[in-house]
């Protein structure tokens, strides 16, 4: 809402001032006029100015979306994680800037944005974009324009009223147990990938969390593993070690003896390889490192490619992330409570687990049905 004030400068002279937003440095931007006459004349002019501001007038030069993006990137992106930073830059560089960058902000309306979504949905850079990806681009554009409103460059955010493709809530379709066990079995001649796949299925950990494991994160005596950090790639595809997991904390999980044995075999293989090349093994090597001393964290996408080769050899229709779904759905089907499953997956809130895996609680649902029958009687 526009705000204004009146100050008498001298007899019959009034200064009216209305707030029109902020500059990019955060300082307030104001429109000031001198009115000759009575205070009532000044009040009338102030009301007119505030009405004009609410309509989008007096907001300084009519900048383009490209100009707004430049300052938004400078102000916003340093606070983001490398992976989020890289994703947003792709949205801006490949889709938003080429299509909408030169458009004046005063001309950027809901119809223009909806037409943009329709075009990239039908034909992206290499083919049609999924509804989910268009919604992510929408989220980026909406954030940029929201900053424009806060700076006073726009009267309102047209992306708020634009209509991206509707989300289609899907139920994860995990692979069956036979397919999952076949993956590490197929890779058994190469212990590190075999252990990676085994740990992925046994813990439901994210790809970056698995890449971030060090030997000190494995506790064979207690049969536990700790996920403390995550490996991501920045916009230049460089490896970045984040000293935290996706949800910010660390989590300690129990491991079965067979998964511990697979990790132990991978670590033994790592030590033997270093010995073979006459290289000193790092004091706390990365468990799945590709470097001989084990002193360099692995790229998360390297194991994705290795997984795809194994999967294709077996003729399976499954993604690496589906091992996470397999872990979650297997536990829920066995009747494990949602809070425990959420803890193993690293979900900050069990409601996330419920929303994703609501269809995979038959054991709990059957127990609830039996309790209800007991209460009602025969």
Protein backbone atom coordinates (compact mmCIF):
# COMPACT_ATOMS: atom_id res chain seq x y z
CA UNK A 1 0.00 0.00 0.00
CA UNK A 2 1.31 3.46 -0.92
CA UNK A 3 2.32 5.68 2.00
CA UNK A 4 2.63 9.46 1.97
CA UNK A 5 3.15 12.58 4.06
CA UNK A 6 2.58 16.34 3.93
CA UNK A 7 4.90 19.04 5.22
CA UNK A 8 4.30 22.79 5.15
CA UNK A 9 7.29 24.60 3.67
CA UNK A 10 6.00 28.16 3.96
CA UNK A 11 2.70 30.04 3.90
CA UNK A 12 0.63 28.56 1.06
CA UNK A 13 3.37 26.08 0.07
CA UNK A 14 3.27 22.37 0.89
CA UNK A 15 5.57 19.46 0.24
CA UNK A 16 3.81 16.16 -0.50
CA UNK A 17 5.86 13.01 -0.48
CA UNK A 18 4.83 9.43 -1.37
CA UNK A 19 6.81 6.23 -0.94
CA UNK A 20 7.21 4.33 -4.22
CA UNK A 21 9.52 1.46 -3.22
CA UNK A 22 13.22 0.94 -2.58
CA UNK A 23 16.40 1.19 -4.61
CA UNK A 24 18.43 -1.97 -5.17
CA UNK A 25 20.64 -0.95 -2.23
CA UNK A 26 17.61 -1.00 0.10
CA UNK A 27 17.22 2.77 0.48
CA UNK A 28 13.66 4.12 0.13
CA UNK A 29 12.59 5.72 -3.13
CA UNK A 30 10.14 8.63 -2.85
CA UNK A 31 8.20 10.90 -5.18
CA UNK A 32 8.12 14.49 -3.94
CA UNK A 33 6.10 17.49 -5.22
CA UNK A 34 5.45 21.05 -4.09
CA UNK A 35 1.80 22.15 -3.98
CA UNK A 36 0.74 25.81 -3.85
CA UNK A 37 -2.54 26.56 -2.08
CA UNK A 38 -4.32 25.24 0.97
CA UNK A 39 -3.68 22.11 2.98
CA UNK A 40 -6.78 20.63 1.36
CA UNK A 41 -5.12 21.11 -2.05
CA UNK A 42 -2.03 19.30 -0.75
CA UNK A 43 -4.14 16.44 0.61
CA UNK A 44 -5.95 16.08 -2.70
CA UNK A 45 -2.65 15.94 -4.60
CA UNK A 46 -1.22 13.39 -2.14
CA UNK A 47 -4.26 11.16 -2.66
CA UNK A 48 -3.82 11.44 -6.43
CA UNK A 49 -0.12 10.51 -6.17
CA UNK A 50 -0.82 7.50 -3.96
CA UNK A 51 -3.48 6.32 -6.44
CA UNK A 52 -0.96 6.70 -9.29
CA UNK A 53 1.69 4.75 -7.36
CA UNK A 54 -0.75 1.92 -6.69
CA UNK A 55 -1.32 1.82 -10.45
CA UNK A 56 2.40 1.41 -11.12
CA UNK A 57 3.42 5.01 -11.91
CA UNK A 58 6.48 6.91 -10.59
CA UNK A 59 8.62 3.82 -10.25
CA UNK A 60 11.66 5.19 -11.99
CA UNK A 61 13.07 4.13 -15.39
CA UNK A 62 11.20 1.33 -17.15
CA UNK A 63 13.82 -1.39 -16.81
CA UNK A 64 13.91 -4.71 -18.60
CA UNK A 65 13.64 -8.11 -16.98
CA UNK A 66 17.32 -8.68 -17.87
CA UNK A 67 18.31 -5.67 -15.75
CA UNK A 68 16.28 -6.96 -12.82
CA UNK A 69 17.80 -10.44 -13.17
CA UNK A 70 21.33 -9.00 -13.12
CA UNK A 71 20.79 -7.36 -9.72
CA UNK A 72 18.74 -10.28 -8.38
CA UNK A 73 21.55 -12.72 -9.18
CA UNK A 74 24.05 -10.46 -7.43
CA UNK A 75 21.86 -10.10 -4.33
CA UNK A 76 20.25 -13.53 -4.01
CA UNK A 77 22.39 -16.31 -5.41
CA UNK A 78 25.35 -16.08 -2.97
CA UNK A 79 23.01 -17.32 -0.22
CA UNK A 80 22.07 -20.50 -2.11
CA UNK A 81 23.70 -23.92 -2.09
CA UNK A 82 25.87 -24.72 -5.14
CA UNK A 83 23.28 -27.14 -6.55
CA UNK A 84 20.40 -24.64 -6.20
CA UNK A 85 22.65 -21.90 -7.59
CA UNK A 86 23.43 -24.03 -10.65
CA UNK A 87 19.76 -24.93 -11.24
CA UNK A 88 18.58 -21.32 -11.07
CA UNK A 89 21.29 -20.17 -13.47
CA UNK A 90 20.17 -22.84 -15.96
CA UNK A 91 16.57 -21.62 -15.69
CA UNK A 92 17.66 -18.03 -16.27
CA UNK A 93 20.29 -18.61 -18.95
CA UNK A 94 18.53 -21.22 -21.06
CA UNK A 95 14.88 -20.24 -20.79
CA UNK A 96 13.90 -17.01 -19.02
CA UNK A 97 16.51 -14.61 -20.44
CA UNK A 98 16.27 -15.70 -24.10
CA UNK A 99 12.47 -15.44 -24.12
CA UNK A 100 11.65 -12.65 -21.67
CA UNK A 101 14.93 -10.86 -20.84
CA UNK A 102 14.52 -7.91 -23.26
CA UNK A 103 10.88 -7.30 -22.22
CA UNK A 104 10.22 -4.05 -20.34
CA UNK A 105 8.86 -4.72 -16.87
CA UNK A 106 5.86 -2.49 -17.60
CA UNK A 107 5.00 -4.77 -20.54
CA UNK A 108 5.51 -8.06 -18.70
CA UNK A 109 1.97 -9.15 -17.99
CA UNK A 110 0.25 -12.41 -17.08
CA UNK A 111 -0.62 -13.23 -20.69
CA UNK A 112 3.03 -12.87 -21.77
CA UNK A 113 4.21 -15.18 -19.00
CA UNK A 114 1.50 -17.79 -19.66
CA UNK A 115 2.43 -17.79 -23.37
CA UNK A 116 6.08 -18.28 -22.38
CA UNK A 117 5.17 -21.32 -20.27
CA UNK A 118 3.19 -22.75 -23.17
CA UNK A 119 6.08 -22.36 -25.60
CA UNK A 120 8.74 -23.97 -23.44
CA UNK A 121 6.32 -26.70 -22.44
CA UNK A 122 5.80 -27.64 -26.09
CA UNK A 123 9.39 -27.13 -27.16
CA UNK A 124 12.32 -26.54 -24.82
CA UNK A 125 15.92 -26.32 -25.99
CA UNK A 126 16.09 -29.99 -26.96
CA UNK A 127 12.44 -31.05 -26.81
CA UNK A 128 9.26 -30.63 -24.76
CA UNK A 129 9.77 -29.82 -21.08
CA UNK A 130 8.01 -31.76 -18.34
CA UNK A 131 5.28 -30.04 -16.34
CA UNK A 132 7.44 -30.31 -13.23
CA UNK A 133 10.38 -28.56 -14.88
CA UNK A 134 8.17 -25.74 -16.16
CA UNK A 135 6.88 -25.26 -12.61
CA UNK A 136 10.46 -24.96 -11.36
CA UNK A 137 11.16 -22.29 -13.99
CA UNK A 138 7.97 -20.56 -12.85
CA UNK A 139 9.22 -20.58 -9.28
CA UNK A 140 12.49 -18.93 -10.34
CA UNK A 141 10.71 -16.25 -12.39
CA UNK A 142 8.26 -15.56 -9.59
CA UNK A 143 11.16 -15.06 -7.16
CA UNK A 144 12.91 -12.61 -9.49
CA UNK A 145 9.74 -10.55 -9.99
CA UNK A 146 8.95 -10.61 -6.26
CA UNK A 147 12.29 -8.88 -5.69
CA UNK A 148 11.30 -6.33 -8.33
CA UNK A 149 8.16 -5.56 -6.35
CA UNK A 150 10.18 -5.16 -3.14
CA UNK A 151 12.53 -2.75 -4.91
CA UNK A 152 9.62 -0.75 -6.30
CA UNK A 153 10.35 -1.62 -9.91
CA UNK A 154 6.94 -3.29 -10.28
CA UNK A 155 3.55 -2.48 -8.77
CA UNK A 156 2.68 -6.19 -8.55
CA UNK A 157 4.10 -9.58 -9.47
CA UNK A 158 2.49 -10.84 -12.71
CA UNK A 159 3.91 -14.34 -12.14
CA UNK A 160 1.68 -14.68 -9.06
CA UNK A 161 -1.35 -14.79 -11.36
CA UNK A 162 0.25 -16.78 -14.16
CA UNK A 163 -0.78 -20.42 -14.50
CA UNK A 164 2.05 -22.94 -14.86
CA UNK A 165 1.17 -26.57 -15.65
CA UNK A 166 -0.66 -28.25 -12.81
CA UNK A 167 1.26 -30.74 -10.74
CA UNK A 168 0.31 -34.36 -11.04
CA UNK A 169 0.87 -36.08 -7.75
CA UNK A 170 2.43 -39.41 -8.56
CA UNK A 171 3.03 -42.46 -6.46
CA UNK A 172 6.63 -43.72 -6.56
CA UNK A 173 6.98 -47.05 -8.33
CA UNK A 174 9.99 -48.75 -6.73
CA UNK A 175 11.80 -51.72 -8.24
CA UNK A 176 11.08 -55.16 -6.88
CA UNK A 177 13.39 -56.91 -4.44
CA UNK A 178 14.79 -59.22 -7.11
CA UNK A 179 15.87 -56.28 -9.26
CA UNK A 180 17.45 -54.46 -6.33
CA UNK A 181 19.48 -57.46 -5.15
CA UNK A 182 20.59 -58.14 -8.72
CA UNK A 183 22.30 -54.74 -8.99
CA UNK A 184 25.10 -55.19 -6.40
CA UNK A 185 25.35 -58.86 -7.37
CA UNK A 186 26.07 -57.85 -10.97
CA UNK A 187 28.75 -55.41 -9.72
CA UNK A 188 30.35 -57.83 -7.23
CA UNK A 189 33.57 -58.08 -9.28
CA UNK A 190 34.13 -54.38 -8.52
CA UNK A 191 33.63 -53.93 -4.74
CA UNK A 192 33.23 -50.10 -4.55
CA UNK A 193 30.21 -49.86 -6.91
CA UNK A 194 28.75 -53.02 -5.40
CA UNK A 195 29.04 -51.53 -1.90
CA UNK A 196 27.63 -48.20 -3.10
CA UNK A 197 24.51 -49.87 -4.50
CA UNK A 198 24.12 -52.01 -1.40
CA UNK A 199 24.34 -48.99 0.92
CA UNK A 200 21.95 -47.01 -1.29
CA UNK A 201 19.27 -49.70 -1.03
CA UNK A 202 19.94 -50.45 2.66
CA UNK A 203 19.76 -46.83 3.85
CA UNK A 204 17.72 -44.90 1.28
CA UNK A 205 20.44 -42.22 1.33
CA UNK A 206 20.59 -39.54 -1.32
CA UNK A 207 23.23 -39.70 -4.04
CA UNK A 208 25.26 -36.79 -2.66
CA UNK A 209 25.15 -38.21 0.87
CA UNK A 210 26.58 -41.52 -0.31
CA UNK A 211 29.37 -39.70 -2.14
CA UNK A 212 30.10 -37.78 1.08
CA UNK A 213 30.89 -40.82 3.21
CA UNK A 214 34.34 -41.09 4.81
CA UNK A 215 35.81 -44.10 6.58
CA UNK A 216 35.27 -42.45 9.98
CA UNK A 217 31.53 -42.35 9.23
CA UNK A 218 31.39 -46.15 9.44
CA UNK A 219 31.25 -47.74 12.90
CA UNK A 220 31.66 -51.51 12.43
CA UNK A 221 31.60 -52.22 16.16
CA UNK A 222 28.18 -50.65 16.67
CA UNK A 223 26.95 -51.55 13.19
CA UNK A 224 26.15 -47.95 12.30
CA UNK A 225 26.73 -45.38 9.59
CA UNK A 226 26.57 -41.58 9.93
CA UNK A 227 25.63 -39.23 7.10
CA UNK A 228 27.28 -35.92 7.97
CA UNK A 229 27.83 -34.17 4.66
CA UNK A 230 26.86 -34.11 1.01
CA UNK A 231 28.70 -33.74 -2.29
CA UNK A 232 27.19 -31.50 -4.97
CA UNK A 233 28.29 -29.99 -8.27
CA UNK A 234 28.37 -26.23 -8.83
CA UNK A 235 27.43 -24.39 -12.04
CA UNK A 236 30.86 -25.18 -13.52
CA UNK A 237 30.34 -28.87 -12.68
CA UNK A 238 33.03 -28.71 -9.97
CA UNK A 239 32.80 -30.89 -6.87
CA UNK A 240 31.71 -29.02 -3.73
CA UNK A 241 31.69 -30.57 -0.26
CA UNK A 242 28.79 -29.32 1.84
CA UNK A 243 29.40 -29.93 5.57
CA UNK A 244 25.76 -30.89 6.03
CA UNK A 245 23.08 -33.02 4.41
CA UNK A 246 20.18 -31.68 2.36
CA UNK A 247 18.03 -31.04 5.43
CA UNK A 248 20.89 -29.47 7.37
CA UNK A 249 21.60 -32.08 10.02
CA UNK A 250 23.33 -35.42 10.29
CA UNK A 251 21.76 -38.79 10.89
CA UNK A 252 23.01 -42.05 12.34
CA UNK A 253 21.52 -45.27 10.98
CA UNK A 254 21.84 -48.92 11.92
CA UNK A 255 23.32 -51.18 9.25
CA UNK A 256 22.80 -54.88 8.65
CA UNK A 257 25.85 -57.20 8.75
CA UNK A 258 25.78 -57.85 4.99
CA UNK A 259 25.92 -54.13 4.12
CA UNK A 260 28.73 -53.63 6.64
CA UNK A 261 30.60 -56.52 5.01
CA UNK A 262 30.19 -54.92 1.57
CA UNK A 263 31.62 -51.63 2.90
CA UNK A 264 34.49 -53.45 4.58
CA UNK A 265 35.32 -55.21 1.30
CA UNK A 266 35.27 -51.88 -0.58
CA UNK A 267 37.63 -50.29 1.97
CA UNK A 268 39.96 -53.28 1.80
CA UNK A 269 39.99 -52.98 -1.99
CA UNK A 270 40.81 -49.28 -1.64
CA UNK A 271 43.76 -49.99 0.69
CA UNK A 272 45.10 -52.75 -1.57
CA UNK A 273 44.91 -50.48 -4.61
CA UNK A 274 46.92 -47.77 -2.82
CA UNK A 275 49.50 -50.37 -1.78
CA UNK A 276 49.73 -51.68 -5.34
CA UNK A 277 50.55 -48.22 -6.66
CA UNK A 278 52.89 -47.44 -3.77
CA UNK A 279 50.75 -44.55 -2.58
CA UNK A 280 50.00 -43.72 1.04
CA UNK A 281 46.28 -44.03 1.77
CA UNK A 282 44.63 -40.94 3.19
CA UNK A 283 44.17 -40.97 6.96
CA UNK A 284 40.38 -40.77 6.60
CA UNK A 285 39.65 -41.71 2.99
CA UNK A 286 36.43 -41.05 1.16
CA UNK A 287 34.75 -44.45 1.04
CA UNK A 288 33.82 -44.28 -2.65
CA UNK A 289 36.71 -42.11 -3.88
CA UNK A 290 38.11 -42.74 -7.35
CA UNK A 291 41.52 -41.32 -6.42
CA UNK A 292 44.14 -43.90 -5.47
CA UNK A 293 44.98 -42.31 -2.07
CA UNK A 294 41.25 -41.85 -1.39
CA UNK A 295 41.82 -38.17 -0.65
CA UNK A 296 39.38 -36.78 -3.24
CA UNK A 297 35.58 -36.99 -2.89
CA UNK A 298 33.84 -38.72 -5.79
CA UNK A 299 31.57 -36.94 -8.25
CA UNK A 300 27.94 -37.90 -7.54
CA UNK A 301 27.22 -38.31 -11.24
CA UNK A 302 30.05 -40.84 -11.67
CA UNK A 303 28.12 -43.49 -9.73
CA UNK A 304 24.96 -42.58 -11.62
CA UNK A 305 26.72 -43.48 -14.85
CA UNK A 306 28.11 -46.68 -13.33
CA UNK A 307 24.64 -47.58 -12.10
CA UNK A 308 23.15 -47.01 -15.56
CA UNK A 309 25.66 -49.37 -17.16
CA UNK A 310 24.82 -52.11 -14.64
CA UNK A 311 21.09 -51.46 -14.94
CA UNK A 312 21.14 -51.59 -18.74
CA UNK A 313 23.14 -54.82 -18.67
CA UNK A 314 20.43 -56.36 -16.49
CA UNK A 315 17.64 -54.91 -18.63
CA UNK A 316 16.02 -53.12 -15.68
CA UNK A 317 13.78 -50.06 -15.99
CA UNK A 318 14.91 -48.29 -12.83
CA UNK A 319 16.67 -45.07 -11.77
CA UNK A 320 19.32 -44.75 -9.09
CA UNK A 321 16.90 -42.63 -7.01
CA UNK A 322 14.42 -45.51 -7.12
CA UNK A 323 16.62 -47.37 -4.63
CA UNK A 324 15.61 -44.68 -2.14
CA UNK A 325 11.96 -45.34 -2.98
CA UNK A 326 12.59 -49.07 -2.59
CA UNK A 327 13.98 -48.55 0.90
CA UNK A 328 11.07 -46.38 2.00
CA UNK A 329 8.29 -48.50 0.55
CA UNK A 330 9.77 -51.78 1.81
CA UNK A 331 9.85 -50.46 5.37
CA UNK A 332 6.34 -49.01 5.21
CA UNK A 333 4.94 -52.19 3.70
CA UNK A 334 6.52 -54.13 6.56
CA UNK A 335 4.69 -51.92 9.05
CA UNK A 336 7.59 -49.72 10.20
CA UNK A 337 6.18 -46.45 11.57
CA UNK A 338 6.40 -43.32 9.44
CA UNK A 339 8.57 -41.37 11.90
CA UNK A 340 11.26 -44.07 11.79
CA UNK A 341 11.15 -44.21 7.99
CA UNK A 342 11.37 -40.40 7.81
CA UNK A 343 14.41 -40.49 10.07
CA UNK A 344 16.21 -43.02 7.87
CA UNK A 345 15.42 -41.05 4.72
CA UNK A 346 16.54 -37.77 6.28
CA UNK A 347 13.18 -36.06 5.87
CA UNK A 348 13.02 -33.02 8.15
CA UNK A 349 9.33 -33.68 8.78
CA UNK A 350 7.44 -37.01 8.71
CA UNK A 351 4.66 -35.22 6.81
CA UNK A 352 7.00 -35.21 3.79
CA UNK A 353 7.26 -38.99 4.01
CA UNK A 354 3.49 -39.29 4.34
CA UNK A 355 2.82 -37.08 1.32
CA UNK A 356 5.23 -39.02 -0.91
CA UNK A 357 4.53 -42.57 0.29
CA UNK A 358 0.93 -42.42 1.47
CA UNK A 359 -0.08 -45.33 -0.77
CA UNK A 360 2.54 -47.64 0.76
CA UNK A 361 1.19 -48.32 4.21
CA UNK A 362 -0.92 -51.47 3.78
CA UNK A 363 0.30 -53.11 6.98
CA UNK A 364 -0.53 -50.08 9.08
CA UNK A 365 -3.86 -49.73 7.31
CA UNK A 366 -4.70 -53.40 7.96
CA UNK A 367 -3.83 -52.99 11.65
CA UNK A 368 -6.09 -49.92 11.83
CA UNK A 369 -8.89 -51.91 10.22
CA UNK A 370 -8.49 -54.74 12.77
CA UNK A 371 -8.56 -52.27 15.68
CA UNK A 372 -11.71 -50.63 14.29
CA UNK A 373 -13.36 -54.05 13.93
CA UNK A 374 -12.46 -54.88 17.52
CA UNK A 375 -14.05 -51.69 18.76
CA UNK A 376 -17.23 -52.31 16.84
CA UNK A 377 -17.53 -56.00 17.72
CA UNK A 378 -19.14 -58.71 15.62
